[in-house]
C-alpha atoms as a PDB file:
ATOM      1  CA  MET A   1     -16.573 -35.435  -1.281  1.00  0.00           C
ATOM      2  CA  LYS A   2     -13.201 -36.190  -1.376  1.00  0.00           C
ATOM      3  CA  GLN A   3     -12.371 -37.889  -4.391  1.00  0.00           C
ATOM      4  CA  ILE A   4      -8.782 -39.463  -5.963  1.00  0.00           C
ATOM      5  CA  VAL A   5      -8.508 -36.872  -8.601  1.00  0.00           C
ATOM      6  CA  LEU A   6      -4.419 -38.668  -9.603  1.00  0.00           C
ATOM      7  CA  GLN A   7      -2.759 -42.152  -8.356  1.00  0.00           C
ATOM      8  CA  ILE A   8      -0.033 -44.147  -9.005  1.00  0.00           C
ATOM      9  CA  PRO A   9      -1.856 -47.576  -7.696  1.00  0.00           C
ATOM     10  CA  THR A  10       0.288 -48.614  -4.517  1.00  0.00           C
ATOM     11  CA  PHE A  11       1.815 -45.522  -4.736  1.00  0.00           C
ATOM     12  CA  LEU A  12       0.390 -42.695  -4.913  1.00  0.00           C
ATOM     13  CA  ASN A  13      -3.571 -40.784  -4.434  1.00  0.00           C
ATOM     14  CA  VAL A  14      -4.166 -37.551  -4.933  1.00  0.00           C
ATOM     15  CA  TYR A  15      -7.401 -35.756  -3.377  1.00  0.00           C
ATOM     16  CA  ASN A  16      -9.652 -33.718  -5.717  1.00  0.00           C
ATOM     17  CA  ASP A  17      -9.254 -31.054  -2.074  1.00  0.00           C
ATOM     18  CA  GLY A  18      -4.838 -31.489  -2.871  1.00  0.00           C
ATOM     19  CA  SER A  19      -3.693 -33.668   0.029  1.00  0.00           C
ATOM     20  CA  THR A  20      -2.021 -36.593  -1.408  1.00  0.00           C
ATOM     21  CA  GLU A  21      -2.204 -40.051   0.421  1.00  0.00           C
ATOM     22  CA  ARG A  22       1.541 -42.208   0.256  1.00  0.00           C
ATOM     23  CA  LEU A  23       0.693 -45.546  -0.257  1.00  0.00           C
ATOM     24  CA  GLY A  24       3.222 -47.941   1.585  1.00  0.00           C
ATOM     25  CA  ASN A  25       5.525 -45.218   2.796  1.00  0.00           C
ATOM     26  CA  MET A  26       7.992 -46.687   4.905  1.00  0.00           C
ATOM     27  CA  PRO A  27       8.223 -45.727   9.034  1.00  0.00           C
ATOM     28  CA  ARG A  28      10.696 -43.391   9.871  1.00  0.00           C
ATOM     29  CA  ALA A  29      13.887 -44.197  11.619  1.00  0.00           C
ATOM     30  CA  PRO A  30      16.099 -41.747  13.312  1.00  0.00           C
ATOM     31  CA  PRO A  31      19.653 -41.518  12.987  1.00  0.00           C
ATOM     32  CA  CYS A  32      21.868 -43.377  15.294  1.00  0.00           C
ATOM     33  CA  LEU A  33      25.447 -42.983  17.128  1.00  0.00           C
ATOM     34  CA  ASN A  34      27.212 -46.096  17.298  1.00  0.00           C
ATOM     35  CA  ASP A  35      24.698 -48.697  15.734  1.00  0.00           C
ATOM     36  CA  PRO A  36      24.550 -51.396  17.497  1.00  0.00           C
ATOM     37  CA  GLU A  37      24.329 -54.001  14.406  1.00  0.00           C
ATOM     38  CA  THR A  38      26.774 -52.180  12.301  1.00  0.00           C
ATOM     39  CA  GLY A  39      28.747 -50.107  14.621  1.00  0.00           C
ATOM     40  CA  VAL A  40      28.125 -47.173  12.392  1.00  0.00           C
ATOM     41  CA  SER A  41      27.048 -43.726  13.395  1.00  0.00           C
ATOM     42  CA  SER A  42      24.500 -41.852  11.430  1.00  0.00           C
ATOM     43  CA  LYS A  43      23.373 -37.978  11.557  1.00  0.00           C
ATOM     44  CA  ASP A  44      21.043 -35.157   9.503  1.00  0.00           C
ATOM     45  CA  ILE A  45      22.399 -32.078   8.512  1.00  0.00           C
ATOM     46  CA  VAL A  46      21.000 -29.463   6.456  1.00  0.00           C
ATOM     47  CA  PHE A  47      23.159 -28.701   3.726  1.00  0.00           C
ATOM     48  CA  SER A  48      20.932 -25.938   1.660  1.00  0.00           C
ATOM     49  CA  ILE A  49      18.659 -23.417   3.207  1.00  0.00           C
ATOM     50  CA  ASN A  50      16.617 -22.487  -0.358  1.00  0.00           C
ATOM     51  CA  PRO A  51      15.305 -25.190  -1.164  1.00  0.00           C
ATOM     52  CA  LEU A  52      15.108 -26.456   2.131  1.00  0.00           C
ATOM     53  CA  LEU A  53      17.366 -29.715   1.868  1.00  0.00           C
ATOM     54  CA  SER A  54      18.854 -32.340   3.762  1.00  0.00           C
ATOM     55  CA  ALA A  55      20.885 -35.822   4.163  1.00  0.00           C
ATOM     56  CA  ARG A  56      21.624 -38.048   6.370  1.00  0.00           C
ATOM     57  CA  LEU A  57      25.523 -38.899   6.780  1.00  0.00           C
ATOM     58  CA  TYR A  58      27.124 -42.572   7.652  1.00  0.00           C
ATOM     59  CA  LEU A  59      30.414 -42.948   9.336  1.00  0.00           C
ATOM     60  CA  PRO A  60      32.111 -46.597   9.655  1.00  0.00           C
ATOM     61  CA  LYS A  61      33.697 -46.901  12.311  1.00  0.00           C
ATOM     62  CA  LEU A  62      37.052 -45.998  11.774  1.00  0.00           C
ATOM     63  CA  ASN A  63      40.325 -46.937  13.173  1.00  0.00           C
ATOM     64  CA  ALA A  64      42.018 -43.522  13.908  1.00  0.00           C
ATOM     65  CA  ASN A  65      40.926 -40.351  14.535  1.00  0.00           C
ATOM     66  CA  ASP A  66      42.489 -39.088  10.915  1.00  0.00           C
ATOM     67  CA  GLN A  67      41.543 -41.905   8.435  1.00  0.00           C
ATOM     68  CA  LYS A  68      39.997 -40.727   5.428  1.00  0.00           C
ATOM     69  CA  VAL A  69      37.584 -43.677   4.142  1.00  0.00           C
ATOM     70  CA  PRO A  70      35.935 -42.725   0.516  1.00  0.00           C
ATOM     71  CA  ILE A  71      32.411 -41.258   0.036  1.00  0.00           C
ATOM     72  CA  LEU A  72      29.267 -42.662  -1.393  1.00  0.00           C
ATOM     73  CA  VAL A  73      26.650 -39.865  -2.036  1.00  0.00           C
ATOM     74  CA  TYR A  74      24.047 -42.066  -1.959  1.00  0.00           C
ATOM     75  CA  PHE A  75      19.868 -41.489  -3.822  1.00  0.00           C
ATOM     76  CA  HIS A  76      17.399 -43.074  -2.062  1.00  0.00           C
ATOM     77  CA  GLY A  77      14.592 -45.083  -4.242  1.00  0.00           C
ATOM     78  CA  GLY A  78      10.636 -44.734  -4.011  1.00  0.00           C
ATOM     79  CA  GLY A  79       9.262 -43.213  -7.472  1.00  0.00           C
ATOM     80  CA  PHE A  80      10.122 -40.280  -7.132  1.00  0.00           C
ATOM     81  CA  CYS A  81       7.017 -39.262  -5.197  1.00  0.00           C
ATOM     82  CA  ARG A  82       7.212 -41.658  -1.951  1.00  0.00           C
ATOM     83  CA  GLU A  83       9.709 -42.713   0.872  1.00  0.00           C
ATOM     84  CA  SER A  84      13.381 -40.967   2.681  1.00  0.00           C
ATOM     85  CA  ALA A  85      16.377 -41.077   3.108  1.00  0.00           C
ATOM     86  CA  PHE A  86      14.801 -41.331   6.264  1.00  0.00           C
ATOM     87  CA  SER A  87      12.903 -44.350   6.163  1.00  0.00           C
ATOM     88  CA  GLU A  88      13.490 -47.648   8.136  1.00  0.00           C
ATOM     89  CA  HIS A  89      14.858 -50.091   5.331  1.00  0.00           C
ATOM     90  CA  HIS A  90      17.508 -46.841   3.772  1.00  0.00           C
ATOM     91  CA  HIS A  91      18.555 -47.045   6.951  1.00  0.00           C
ATOM     92  CA  GLU A  92      19.472 -50.135   7.861  1.00  0.00           C
ATOM     93  CA  TYR A  93      20.617 -50.475   4.364  1.00  0.00           C
ATOM     94  CA  CYS A  94      22.796 -47.661   4.564  1.00  0.00           C
ATOM     95  CA  ASN A  95      23.703 -48.955   8.108  1.00  0.00           C
ATOM     96  CA  ILE A  96      25.415 -52.183   6.613  1.00  0.00           C
ATOM     97  CA  VAL A  97      26.902 -51.142   3.550  1.00  0.00           C
ATOM     98  CA  ALA A  98      29.055 -48.062   5.308  1.00  0.00           C
ATOM     99  CA  SER A  99      30.020 -50.845   7.849  1.00  0.00           C
ATOM    100  CA  GLN A 100      30.861 -53.571   4.784  1.00  0.00           C
ATOM    101  CA  ALA A 101      31.942 -51.858   2.517  1.00  0.00           C
ATOM    102  CA  ASN A 102      34.009 -48.799   4.896  1.00  0.00           C
ATOM    103  CA  VAL A 103      33.119 -45.815   2.998  1.00  0.00           C
ATOM    104  CA  LEU A 104      31.207 -42.090   4.246  1.00  0.00           C
ATOM    105  CA  ILE A 105      27.967 -42.325   2.429  1.00  0.00           C
ATOM    106  CA  VAL A 106      25.139 -38.861   2.352  1.00  0.00           C
ATOM    107  CA  SER A 107      22.295 -40.164   1.996  1.00  0.00           C
ATOM    108  CA  VAL A 108      20.430 -37.049  -0.002  1.00  0.00           C
ATOM    109  CA  GLU A 109      16.571 -36.068   0.897  1.00  0.00           C
ATOM    110  CA  HIS A 110      15.197 -35.148  -2.202  1.00  0.00           C
ATOM    111  CA  ARG A 111      11.981 -33.279  -2.650  1.00  0.00           C
ATOM    112  CA  LYS A 112       8.979 -35.651  -3.456  1.00  0.00           C
ATOM    113  CA  ALA A 113       6.131 -35.116  -6.715  1.00  0.00           C
ATOM    114  CA  PRO A 114       3.393 -34.168  -6.531  1.00  0.00           C
ATOM    115  CA  GLU A 115       4.300 -31.166  -4.463  1.00  0.00           C
ATOM    116  CA  HIS A 116       6.760 -30.305  -5.784  1.00  0.00           C
ATOM    117  CA  TYR A 117       6.957 -32.515  -9.496  1.00  0.00           C
ATOM    118  CA  LEU A 118      10.677 -33.604 -11.562  1.00  0.00           C
ATOM    119  CA  PRO A 119      13.185 -32.253 -12.610  1.00  0.00           C
ATOM    120  CA  ALA A 120      13.373 -31.175  -8.464  1.00  0.00           C
ATOM    121  CA  ALA A 121      14.531 -34.325  -7.195  1.00  0.00           C
ATOM    122  CA  TYR A 122      17.479 -34.516 -10.330  1.00  0.00           C
ATOM    123  CA  GLU A 123      18.345 -31.407  -8.856  1.00  0.00           C
ATOM    124  CA  ASP A 124      18.759 -31.836  -5.457  1.00  0.00           C
ATOM    125  CA  CYS A 125      20.686 -34.951  -5.608  1.00  0.00           C
ATOM    126  CA  TRP A 126      22.896 -33.048  -8.027  1.00  0.00           C
ATOM    127  CA  ALA A 127      23.033 -29.831  -5.043  1.00  0.00           C
ATOM    128  CA  GLY A 128      23.826 -32.644  -2.513  1.00  0.00           C
ATOM    129  CA  LEU A 129      26.651 -34.037  -4.926  1.00  0.00           C
ATOM    130  CA  LYS A 130      28.436 -30.559  -5.424  1.00  0.00           C
ATOM    131  CA  TRP A 131      27.808 -30.055  -1.435  1.00  0.00           C
ATOM    132  CA  ALA A 132      29.877 -33.067  -0.688  1.00  0.00           C
ATOM    133  CA  ALA A 133      32.606 -32.451  -3.278  1.00  0.00           C
ATOM    134  CA  THR A 134      32.920 -28.668  -2.025  1.00  0.00           C
ATOM    135  CA  HIS A 135      34.493 -30.375   1.300  1.00  0.00           C
ATOM    136  CA  ALA A 136      37.658 -31.372  -0.630  1.00  0.00           C
ATOM    137  CA  LYS A 137      39.367 -28.257  -0.355  1.00  0.00           C
ATOM    138  CA  ALA A 138      38.221 -27.436   3.475  1.00  0.00           C
ATOM    139  CA  THR A 139      37.923 -23.409   2.774  1.00  0.00           C
ATOM    140  CA  GLN A 140      36.170 -20.545   5.037  1.00  0.00           C
ATOM    141  CA  ASN A 141      33.384 -19.625   3.393  1.00  0.00           C
ATOM    142  CA  SER A 142      30.354 -18.116   4.245  1.00  0.00           C
ATOM    143  CA  HIS A 143      28.379 -19.403   1.542  1.00  0.00           C
ATOM    144  CA  ILE A 144      28.910 -23.444   2.243  1.00  0.00           C
ATOM    145  CA  ILE A 145      27.805 -25.738   4.848  1.00  0.00           C
ATOM    146  CA  SER A 146      30.687 -27.227   5.853  1.00  0.00           C
ATOM    147  CA  GLU A 147      30.385 -30.370   8.044  1.00  0.00           C
ATOM    148  CA  PRO A 148      32.840 -32.136   9.989  1.00  0.00           C
ATOM    149  CA  TRP A 149      33.054 -35.156   9.133  1.00  0.00           C
ATOM    150  CA  LEU A 150      33.297 -34.719   5.289  1.00  0.00           C
ATOM    151  CA  ILE A 151      36.235 -32.422   5.457  1.00  0.00           C
ATOM    152  CA  ASP A 152      38.093 -35.137   8.608  1.00  0.00           C
ATOM    153  CA  HIS A 153      37.076 -38.246   6.843  1.00  0.00           C
ATOM    154  CA  GLY A 154      36.326 -38.352   2.351  1.00  0.00           C
ATOM    155  CA  ASP A 155      38.484 -39.385   0.312  1.00  0.00           C
ATOM    156  CA  PHE A 156      37.579 -36.790  -2.884  1.00  0.00           C
ATOM    157  CA  SER A 157      39.908 -38.729  -5.190  1.00  0.00           C
ATOM    158  CA  LYS A 158      37.330 -41.738  -3.817  1.00  0.00           C
ATOM    159  CA  ILE A 159      33.869 -40.311  -4.592  1.00  0.00           C
ATOM    160  CA  PHE A 160      30.514 -42.643  -5.661  1.00  0.00           C
ATOM    161  CA  ILE A 161      27.329 -42.627  -6.587  1.00  0.00           C
ATOM    162  CA  GLY A 162      24.395 -44.880  -5.661  1.00  0.00           C
ATOM    163  CA  GLY A 163      20.959 -45.774  -5.732  1.00  0.00           C
ATOM    164  CA  ASP A 164      17.692 -48.172  -5.556  1.00  0.00           C
ATOM    165  CA  SER A 165      14.582 -48.371  -8.054  1.00  0.00           C
ATOM    166  CA  SER A 166      13.563 -44.017  -8.950  1.00  0.00           C
ATOM    167  CA  GLY A 167      17.263 -43.536  -7.591  1.00  0.00           C
ATOM    168  CA  GLY A 168      18.950 -45.761  -9.914  1.00  0.00           C
ATOM    169  CA  ASN A 169      17.327 -43.046 -12.391  1.00  0.00           C
ATOM    170  CA  ILE A 170      18.740 -40.716 -10.320  1.00  0.00           C
ATOM    171  CA  VAL A 171      22.711 -41.980 -10.788  1.00  0.00           C
ATOM    172  CA  HIS A 172      21.980 -42.045 -14.562  1.00  0.00           C
ATOM    173  CA  ASN A 173      20.926 -38.775 -14.787  1.00  0.00           C
ATOM    174  CA  VAL A 174      23.523 -37.333 -12.394  1.00  0.00           C
ATOM    175  CA  ALA A 175      26.778 -39.366 -13.951  1.00  0.00           C
ATOM    176  CA  MET A 176      25.025 -37.814 -17.891  1.00  0.00           C
ATOM    177  CA  ARG A 177      25.482 -34.246 -15.744  1.00  0.00           C
ATOM    178  CA  ALA A 178      28.136 -34.778 -14.359  1.00  0.00           C
ATOM    179  CA  GLY A 179      29.197 -35.982 -18.082  1.00  0.00           C
ATOM    180  CA  VAL A 180      29.503 -32.363 -18.991  1.00  0.00           C
ATOM    181  CA  GLU A 181      29.241 -30.400 -15.901  1.00  0.00           C
ATOM    182  CA  PRO A 182      32.144 -30.077 -13.323  1.00  0.00           C
ATOM    183  CA  LEU A 183      32.030 -30.713  -9.455  1.00  0.00           C
ATOM    184  CA  PRO A 184      33.710 -28.173  -7.381  1.00  0.00           C
ATOM    185  CA  ASN A 185      37.252 -28.655  -6.448  1.00  0.00           C
ATOM    186  CA  GLY A 186      37.770 -30.954  -9.924  1.00  0.00           C
ATOM    187  CA  VAL A 187      35.965 -33.911  -8.049  1.00  0.00           C
ATOM    188  CA  LYS A 188      35.155 -37.133 -10.107  1.00  0.00           C
ATOM    189  CA  ILE A 189      32.860 -39.859 -10.063  1.00  0.00           C
ATOM    190  CA  ILE A 190      34.644 -42.718  -9.451  1.00  0.00           C
ATOM    191  CA  GLY A 191      32.246 -44.734  -9.757  1.00  0.00           C
ATOM    192  CA  ALA A 192      28.362 -45.438  -9.851  1.00  0.00           C
ATOM    193  CA  TYR A 193      26.172 -48.102  -9.309  1.00  0.00           C
ATOM    194  CA  MET A 194      21.727 -48.308  -9.353  1.00  0.00           C
ATOM    195  CA  ASN A 195      20.348 -51.608  -8.526  1.00  0.00           C
ATOM    196  CA  HIS A 196      16.827 -51.975 -10.375  1.00  0.00           C
ATOM    197  CA  PRO A 197      17.091 -48.390 -11.738  1.00  0.00           C
ATOM    198  CA  TYR A 198      13.107 -47.063 -13.720  1.00  0.00           C
ATOM    199  CA  PHE A 199      13.966 -46.395 -16.833  1.00  0.00           C
ATOM    200  CA  CYS A 200      10.374 -46.905 -19.607  1.00  0.00           C
ATOM    201  CA  GLY A 201      10.019 -45.814 -22.810  1.00  0.00           C
ATOM    202  CA  SER A 202       7.486 -45.668 -25.113  1.00  0.00           C
ATOM    203  CA  LYS A 203       7.872 -48.762 -26.982  1.00  0.00           C
ATOM    204  CA  PRO A 204       7.370 -52.352 -24.595  1.00  0.00           C
ATOM    205  CA  VAL A 205      10.522 -54.362 -24.732  1.00  0.00           C
ATOM    206  CA  GLY A 206      11.597 -57.810 -24.112  1.00  0.00           C
ATOM    207  CA  SER A 207       8.866 -59.278 -21.273  1.00  0.00           C
ATOM    208  CA  GLU A 208       6.697 -55.961 -20.797  1.00  0.00           C
ATOM    209  CA  PRO A 209       3.222 -56.182 -21.289  1.00  0.00           C
ATOM    210  CA  ILE A 210       1.917 -55.052 -25.050  1.00  0.00           C
ATOM    211  CA  GLU A 211      -1.439 -54.602 -23.874  1.00  0.00           C
ATOM    212  CA  GLY A 212      -2.262 -52.016 -21.752  1.00  0.00           C
ATOM    213  CA  PHE A 213       1.781 -51.105 -22.012  1.00  0.00           C
ATOM    214  CA  GLU A 214       0.209 -47.137 -21.229  1.00  0.00           C
ATOM    215  CA  LYS A 215      -1.414 -48.469 -17.707  1.00  0.00           C
ATOM    216  CA  SER A 216       2.500 -49.760 -16.839  1.00  0.00           C
ATOM    217  CA  LEU A 217       3.053 -48.727 -13.208  1.00  0.00           C
ATOM    218  CA  PRO A 218       6.110 -46.524 -14.655  1.00  0.00           C
ATOM    219  CA  TYR A 219       4.580 -45.342 -17.300  1.00  0.00           C
ATOM    220  CA  MET A 220       1.469 -44.031 -15.697  1.00  0.00           C
ATOM    221  CA  ALA A 221       3.947 -42.672 -13.008  1.00  0.00           C
ATOM    222  CA  TRP A 222       5.879 -41.153 -15.135  1.00  0.00           C
ATOM    223  CA  GLY A 223       2.881 -39.024 -15.826  1.00  0.00           C
ATOM    224  CA  ILE A 224       2.433 -38.603 -12.463  1.00  0.00           C
ATOM    225  CA  VAL A 225       6.010 -37.528 -11.184  1.00  0.00           C
ATOM    226  CA  TYR A 226       6.797 -34.987 -14.601  1.00  0.00           C
ATOM    227  CA  PRO A 227       4.053 -34.040 -16.213  1.00  0.00           C
ATOM    228  CA  ASP A 228       5.204 -31.454 -18.356  1.00  0.00           C
ATOM    229  CA  ALA A 229       8.663 -33.858 -19.417  1.00  0.00           C
ATOM    230  CA  PRO A 230       9.997 -32.124 -22.372  1.00  0.00           C
ATOM    231  CA  GLY A 231       9.076 -35.957 -25.022  1.00  0.00           C
ATOM    232  CA  GLY A 232       6.934 -37.893 -22.319  1.00  0.00           C
ATOM    233  CA  ILE A 233       7.697 -41.114 -21.491  1.00  0.00           C
ATOM    234  CA  ASP A 234      10.588 -40.906 -24.231  1.00  0.00           C
ATOM    235  CA  ASN A 235      12.129 -37.779 -22.257  1.00  0.00           C
ATOM    236  CA  PRO A 236      16.209 -38.780 -21.670  1.00  0.00           C
ATOM    237  CA  MET A 237      15.780 -38.736 -18.630  1.00  0.00           C
ATOM    238  CA  VAL A 238      13.544 -42.092 -18.443  1.00  0.00           C
ATOM    239  CA  ASN A 239      14.883 -43.748 -21.581  1.00  0.00           C
ATOM    240  CA  PRO A 240      17.812 -42.893 -22.448  1.00  0.00           C
ATOM    241  CA  MET A 241      17.912 -45.481 -25.585  1.00  0.00           C
ATOM    242  CA  ALA A 242      15.602 -42.595 -26.660  1.00  0.00           C
ATOM    243  CA  PRO A 243      16.444 -41.936 -30.061  1.00  0.00           C
ATOM    244  CA  GLY A 244      17.918 -37.801 -30.122  1.00  0.00           C
ATOM    245  CA  ALA A 245      18.977 -39.146 -26.239  1.00  0.00           C
ATOM    246  CA  PRO A 246      22.243 -37.705 -25.397  1.00  0.00           C
ATOM    247  CA  SER A 247      25.355 -40.621 -26.025  1.00  0.00           C
ATOM    248  CA  LEU A 248      25.803 -42.498 -23.283  1.00  0.00           C
ATOM    249  CA  ALA A 249      29.248 -42.242 -23.887  1.00  0.00           C
ATOM    250  CA  THR A 250      29.540 -39.190 -21.873  1.00  0.00           C
ATOM    251  CA  LEU A 251      28.583 -40.996 -18.942  1.00  0.00           C
ATOM    252  CA  GLY A 252      31.097 -39.167 -16.465  1.00  0.00           C
ATOM    253  CA  CYS A 253      32.718 -41.223 -14.000  1.00  0.00           C
ATOM    254  CA  SER A 254      35.248 -44.697 -14.631  1.00  0.00           C
ATOM    255  CA  LYS A 255      32.823 -47.753 -13.359  1.00  0.00           C
ATOM    256  CA  MET A 256      29.913 -48.415 -12.944  1.00  0.00           C
ATOM    257  CA  PHE A 257      27.934 -51.950 -11.574  1.00  0.00           C
ATOM    258  CA  ILE A 258      24.414 -52.958 -12.191  1.00  0.00           C
ATOM    259  CA  SER A 259      21.783 -55.601 -11.440  1.00  0.00           C
ATOM    260  CA  VAL A 260      18.597 -56.785 -11.972  1.00  0.00           C
ATOM    261  CA  ALA A 261      16.345 -59.224 -10.440  1.00  0.00           C
ATOM    262  CA  GLY A 262      15.433 -62.247 -13.078  1.00  0.00           C
ATOM    263  CA  ASP A 263      11.294 -61.065 -12.508  1.00  0.00           C
ATOM    264  CA  ASP A 264      11.517 -57.538 -12.246  1.00  0.00           C
ATOM    265  CA  VAL A 265       9.148 -57.589 -15.375  1.00  0.00           C
ATOM    266  CA  SER A 266       8.759 -53.615 -14.806  1.00  0.00           C
ATOM    267  CA  PHE A 267      12.155 -52.972 -15.597  1.00  0.00           C
ATOM    268  CA  ARG A 268      14.876 -55.971 -16.244  1.00  0.00           C
ATOM    269  CA  ASP A 269      15.047 -56.466 -19.382  1.00  0.00           C
ATOM    270  CA  ARG A 270      14.919 -52.469 -19.678  1.00  0.00           C
ATOM    271  CA  THR A 271      18.392 -52.530 -17.810  1.00  0.00           C
ATOM    272  CA  VAL A 272      19.412 -54.678 -19.395  1.00  0.00           C
ATOM    273  CA  LEU A 273      18.944 -52.838 -22.655  1.00  0.00           C
ATOM    274  CA  TYR A 274      20.164 -50.052 -21.240  1.00  0.00           C
ATOM    275  CA  TYR A 275      23.393 -51.912 -19.436  1.00  0.00           C
ATOM    276  CA  GLU A 276      24.284 -52.895 -23.663  1.00  0.00           C
ATOM    277  CA  ALA A 277      23.738 -49.693 -24.750  1.00  0.00           C
ATOM    278  CA  VAL A 278      26.163 -48.212 -22.357  1.00  0.00           C
ATOM    279  CA  ARG A 279      29.097 -51.009 -23.961  1.00  0.00           C
ATOM    280  CA  ALA A 280      28.350 -50.462 -27.079  1.00  0.00           C
ATOM    281  CA  SER A 281      29.046 -46.365 -27.018  1.00  0.00           C
ATOM    282  CA  GLY A 282      32.217 -45.637 -27.272  1.00  0.00           C
ATOM    283  CA  TRP A 283      32.160 -45.287 -22.681  1.00  0.00           C
ATOM    284  CA  LYS A 284      35.724 -45.052 -21.892  1.00  0.00           C
ATOM    285  CA  GLY A 285      34.596 -46.670 -18.439  1.00  0.00           C
ATOM    286  CA  GLN A 286      33.404 -50.437 -17.215  1.00  0.00           C
ATOM    287  CA  VAL A 287      30.300 -51.209 -16.394  1.00  0.00           C
ATOM    288  CA  GLN A 288      29.695 -54.857 -14.919  1.00  0.00           C
ATOM    289  CA  LEU A 289      25.659 -56.740 -14.452  1.00  0.00           C
ATOM    290  CA  PHE A 290      24.185 -58.503 -11.773  1.00  0.00           C
ATOM    291  CA  GLU A 291      21.099 -59.868 -12.068  1.00  0.00           C
ATOM    292  CA  GLU A 292      19.136 -62.754  -9.563  1.00  0.00           C
ATOM    293  CA  LYS A 293      17.182 -64.538 -11.172  1.00  0.00           C
ATOM    294  CA  GLY A 294      13.446 -65.620  -9.606  1.00  0.00           C
ATOM    295  CA  GLU A 295      14.058 -61.861  -7.175  1.00  0.00           C
ATOM    296  CA  GLN A 296      11.699 -59.308  -7.898  1.00  0.00           C
ATOM    297  CA  HIS A 297      11.545 -55.437  -7.832  1.00  0.00           C
ATOM    298  CA  VAL A 298      14.324 -54.219  -4.822  1.00  0.00           C
ATOM    299  CA  TYR A 299      13.808 -57.849  -2.865  1.00  0.00           C
ATOM    300  CA  TYR A 300      17.287 -56.797  -0.913  1.00  0.00           C
ATOM    301  CA  MET A 301      15.968 -53.794   0.316  1.00  0.00           C
ATOM    302  CA  PHE A 302      13.534 -55.784   2.470  1.00  0.00           C
ATOM    303  CA  HIS A 303      15.289 -58.484   2.918  1.00  0.00           C
ATOM    304  CA  PRO A 304      18.473 -57.413   3.853  1.00  0.00           C
ATOM    305  CA  HIS A 305      19.906 -60.614   5.757  1.00  0.00           C
ATOM    306  CA  THR A 306      18.593 -63.048   3.329  1.00  0.00           C
ATOM    307  CA  ASP A 307      20.933 -65.076   1.305  1.00  0.00           C
ATOM    308  CA  LYS A 308      20.472 -62.861  -1.693  1.00  0.00           C
ATOM    309  CA  GLY A 309      19.933 -60.420  -0.170  1.00  0.00           C
ATOM    310  CA  LYS A 310      23.197 -60.052   1.261  1.00  0.00           C
ATOM    311  CA  ARG A 311      24.566 -61.664  -2.235  1.00  0.00           C
ATOM    312  CA  LEU A 312      23.153 -58.090  -4.749  1.00  0.00           C
ATOM    313  CA  ILE A 313      24.731 -56.233  -1.244  1.00  0.00           C
ATOM    314  CA  LYS A 314      27.941 -57.467  -1.412  1.00  0.00           C
ATOM    315  CA  HIS A 315      28.105 -57.134  -5.085  1.00  0.00           C
ATOM    316  CA  VAL A 316      27.528 -53.415  -3.896  1.00  0.00           C
ATOM    317  CA  THR A 317      29.991 -53.683  -1.414  1.00  0.00           C
ATOM    318  CA  ASP A 318      32.805 -55.313  -3.228  1.00  0.00           C
ATOM    319  CA  PHE A 319      32.669 -52.781  -5.934  1.00  0.00           C
ATOM    320  CA  LEU A 320      32.690 -49.655  -3.591  1.00  0.00           C
ATOM    321  CA  ARG A 321      35.540 -51.072  -1.717  1.00  0.00           C
ATOM    322  CA  GLN A 322      37.665 -52.405  -5.114  1.00  0.00           C
END
């Protein structure tokens, strides 16, 4: 008889026959040349053969054939175990951001747990950023899968990373890695944004529930997506403020934008603590925090055309345009 052996409520069921059910997975949208709403063109590419990794690229409407625009390497959300760079809502969001910020987006499709436990997603997203950076010098290299949009239109003096929810967590970890490990061709990350990032830890903070905290969604999910994490829920990848975690002063970017939702009980208070820890760390960059009161986790992703959805997206696009 088929039975659930692992579960992240509302996200994931793993059954005793090894099958996986992703709950609430959004439908996928195809790429599109000249999106009717935004004029943005998108296409899907493979950037790594082993492991097999892909991404969706978004190119805004250009004023000239040789126009160069900033690059955003984007990491989608979904708790490391569901959703996709090709999901409808991520596709719509990237179209809007590419259009309004006038940026070329590389939206990385990373491998998912439980078929591929963390740190697979971190490695994939770092690989996507490195692959983009290889295009800063257009050289013929048989080991590199080259992409004309990046070569012809990417401004590698303005490279950003960004993400939402678990994608925001990936942004933190990629930025930390970029602080100690060089990217190809001397490429530097100018800015990083994280909307409603997924952080957790062994002790509840702020409005996180004291009773039953170990059964809270962020706590439970980490144990399923990264069961072998050294330090468990206090691994620095999910708890950057844990004792012994690397100093946030080593973040490898020049500026950061962080956002929270006022009613996001799971992540709001811990993200504010993260913002304060970055400010206090001695990091030399500039960081800003935006909060939307009375809203839930990633509200703008599902309602991008409401006043509040538009407001957050404008904060993001203003950050990318600065």
